[in-house]
Amino acid sequence: MIRIVQKRSVIGITPKQRKVLEALGLRKIGGSVVHKDDKAVQGMIHKVSHLVTVEKAD
């Protein structure tokens, strides 16, 4: 399991990147979600890596 935390604003990013954040379940700066560490989620994180931080969750 991994915890994804939004660290930057969505202002000025592409609509596609906004949809990725929405699909991950992130809405606000400081918001966090926990997901399984699989290929689909890793691909989504890669697309918005400049906006989020990732850490291992228990």
C-alpha atoms as a PDB file:
ATOM      1  CA  MET A   1       0.000   0.000   0.000  1.00  0.00           C
ATOM      2  CA  ILE A   2       1.162   3.527  -0.759  1.00  0.00           C
ATOM      3  CA  ARG A   3      -0.008   6.921   0.476  1.00  0.00           C
ATOM      4  CA  ILE A   4      -0.217   9.682  -2.133  1.00  0.00           C
ATOM      5  CA  VAL A   5      -0.264  13.284  -0.893  1.00  0.00           C
ATOM      6  CA  GLN A   6      -1.039  16.283  -3.107  1.00  0.00           C
ATOM      7  CA  LYS A   7       1.641  18.938  -2.572  1.00  0.00           C
ATOM      8  CA  ARG A   8       0.981  21.454  -5.354  1.00  0.00           C
ATOM      9  CA  SER A   9      -2.020  23.273  -6.768  1.00  0.00           C
ATOM     10  CA  VAL A  10      -3.893  22.276  -9.918  1.00  0.00           C
ATOM     11  CA  ILE A  11      -3.740  25.845 -11.210  1.00  0.00           C
ATOM     12  CA  GLY A  12      -1.979  25.902 -14.556  1.00  0.00           C
ATOM     13  CA  ILE A  13      -1.869  22.149 -15.184  1.00  0.00           C
ATOM     14  CA  THR A  14      -3.421  20.399 -18.172  1.00  0.00           C
ATOM     15  CA  PRO A  15      -6.986  19.074 -18.069  1.00  0.00           C
ATOM     16  CA  LYS A  16      -5.626  15.528 -18.491  1.00  0.00           C
ATOM     17  CA  GLN A  17      -3.518  15.902 -15.344  1.00  0.00           C
ATOM     18  CA  ARG A  18      -6.546  17.252 -13.453  1.00  0.00           C
ATOM     19  CA  LYS A  19      -8.465  14.127 -14.418  1.00  0.00           C
ATOM     20  CA  VAL A  20      -5.629  11.922 -13.185  1.00  0.00           C
ATOM     21  CA  LEU A  21      -5.653  13.654  -9.784  1.00  0.00           C
ATOM     22  CA  GLU A  22      -9.437  13.316  -9.644  1.00  0.00           C
ATOM     23  CA  ALA A  23      -9.202   9.611 -10.514  1.00  0.00           C
ATOM     24  CA  LEU A  24      -6.675   9.134  -7.712  1.00  0.00           C
ATOM     25  CA  GLY A  25      -9.132  10.794  -5.322  1.00  0.00           C
ATOM     26  CA  LEU A  26      -7.131  13.971  -4.664  1.00  0.00           C
ATOM     27  CA  ARG A  27      -8.960  17.290  -4.432  1.00  0.00           C
ATOM     28  CA  LYS A  28      -6.946  19.735  -2.303  1.00  0.00           C
ATOM     29  CA  ILE A  29      -3.367  20.524  -1.391  1.00  0.00           C
ATOM     30  CA  GLY A  30      -2.511  18.382   1.606  1.00  0.00           C
ATOM     31  CA  GLY A  31      -5.133  15.773   0.725  1.00  0.00           C
ATOM     32  CA  SER A  32      -4.000  12.168   0.870  1.00  0.00           C
ATOM     33  CA  VAL A  33      -5.256   8.794  -0.293  1.00  0.00           C
ATOM     34  CA  VAL A  34      -4.078   5.211   0.120  1.00  0.00           C
ATOM     35  CA  HIS A  35      -3.960   2.886  -2.898  1.00  0.00           C
ATOM     36  CA  LYS A  36      -2.579  -0.528  -3.746  1.00  0.00           C
ATOM     37  CA  ASP A  37       0.867  -0.379  -5.309  1.00  0.00           C
ATOM     38  CA  ASP A  38       0.086  -1.702  -8.789  1.00  0.00           C
ATOM     39  CA  LYS A  39       1.031  -0.800 -12.358  1.00  0.00           C
ATOM     40  CA  ALA A  40      -2.063   1.324 -13.030  1.00  0.00           C
ATOM     41  CA  VAL A  41      -1.554   3.513  -9.975  1.00  0.00           C
ATOM     42  CA  GLN A  42       2.195   3.788 -10.680  1.00  0.00           C
ATOM     43  CA  GLY A  43       1.381   5.085 -14.182  1.00  0.00           C
ATOM     44  CA  MET A  44      -1.001   7.671 -12.768  1.00  0.00           C
ATOM     45  CA  ILE A  45       1.601   8.790 -10.239  1.00  0.00           C
ATOM     46  CA  HIS A  46       4.166   9.124 -13.020  1.00  0.00           C
ATOM     47  CA  LYS A  47       1.858  11.520 -14.923  1.00  0.00           C
ATOM     48  CA  VAL A  48       1.478  13.862 -11.918  1.00  0.00           C
ATOM     49  CA  SER A  49       4.751  13.213 -10.082  1.00  0.00           C
ATOM     50  CA  HIS A  50       5.510  16.956  -9.929  1.00  0.00           C
ATOM     51  CA  LEU A  51       2.297  17.555  -7.959  1.00  0.00           C
ATOM     52  CA  VAL A  52       2.346  14.697  -5.446  1.00  0.00           C
ATOM     53  CA  THR A  53       4.603  12.875  -3.013  1.00  0.00           C
ATOM     54  CA  VAL A  54       4.460   9.139  -2.455  1.00  0.00           C
ATOM     55  CA  GLU A  55       5.277   7.231   0.724  1.00  0.00           C
ATOM     56  CA  LYS A  56       4.819   3.683   1.900  1.00  0.00           C
ATOM     57  CA  ALA A  57       1.690   3.132   4.023  1.00  0.00           C
ATOM     58  CA  ASP A  58       0.983   0.351   6.496  1.00  0.00           C
END
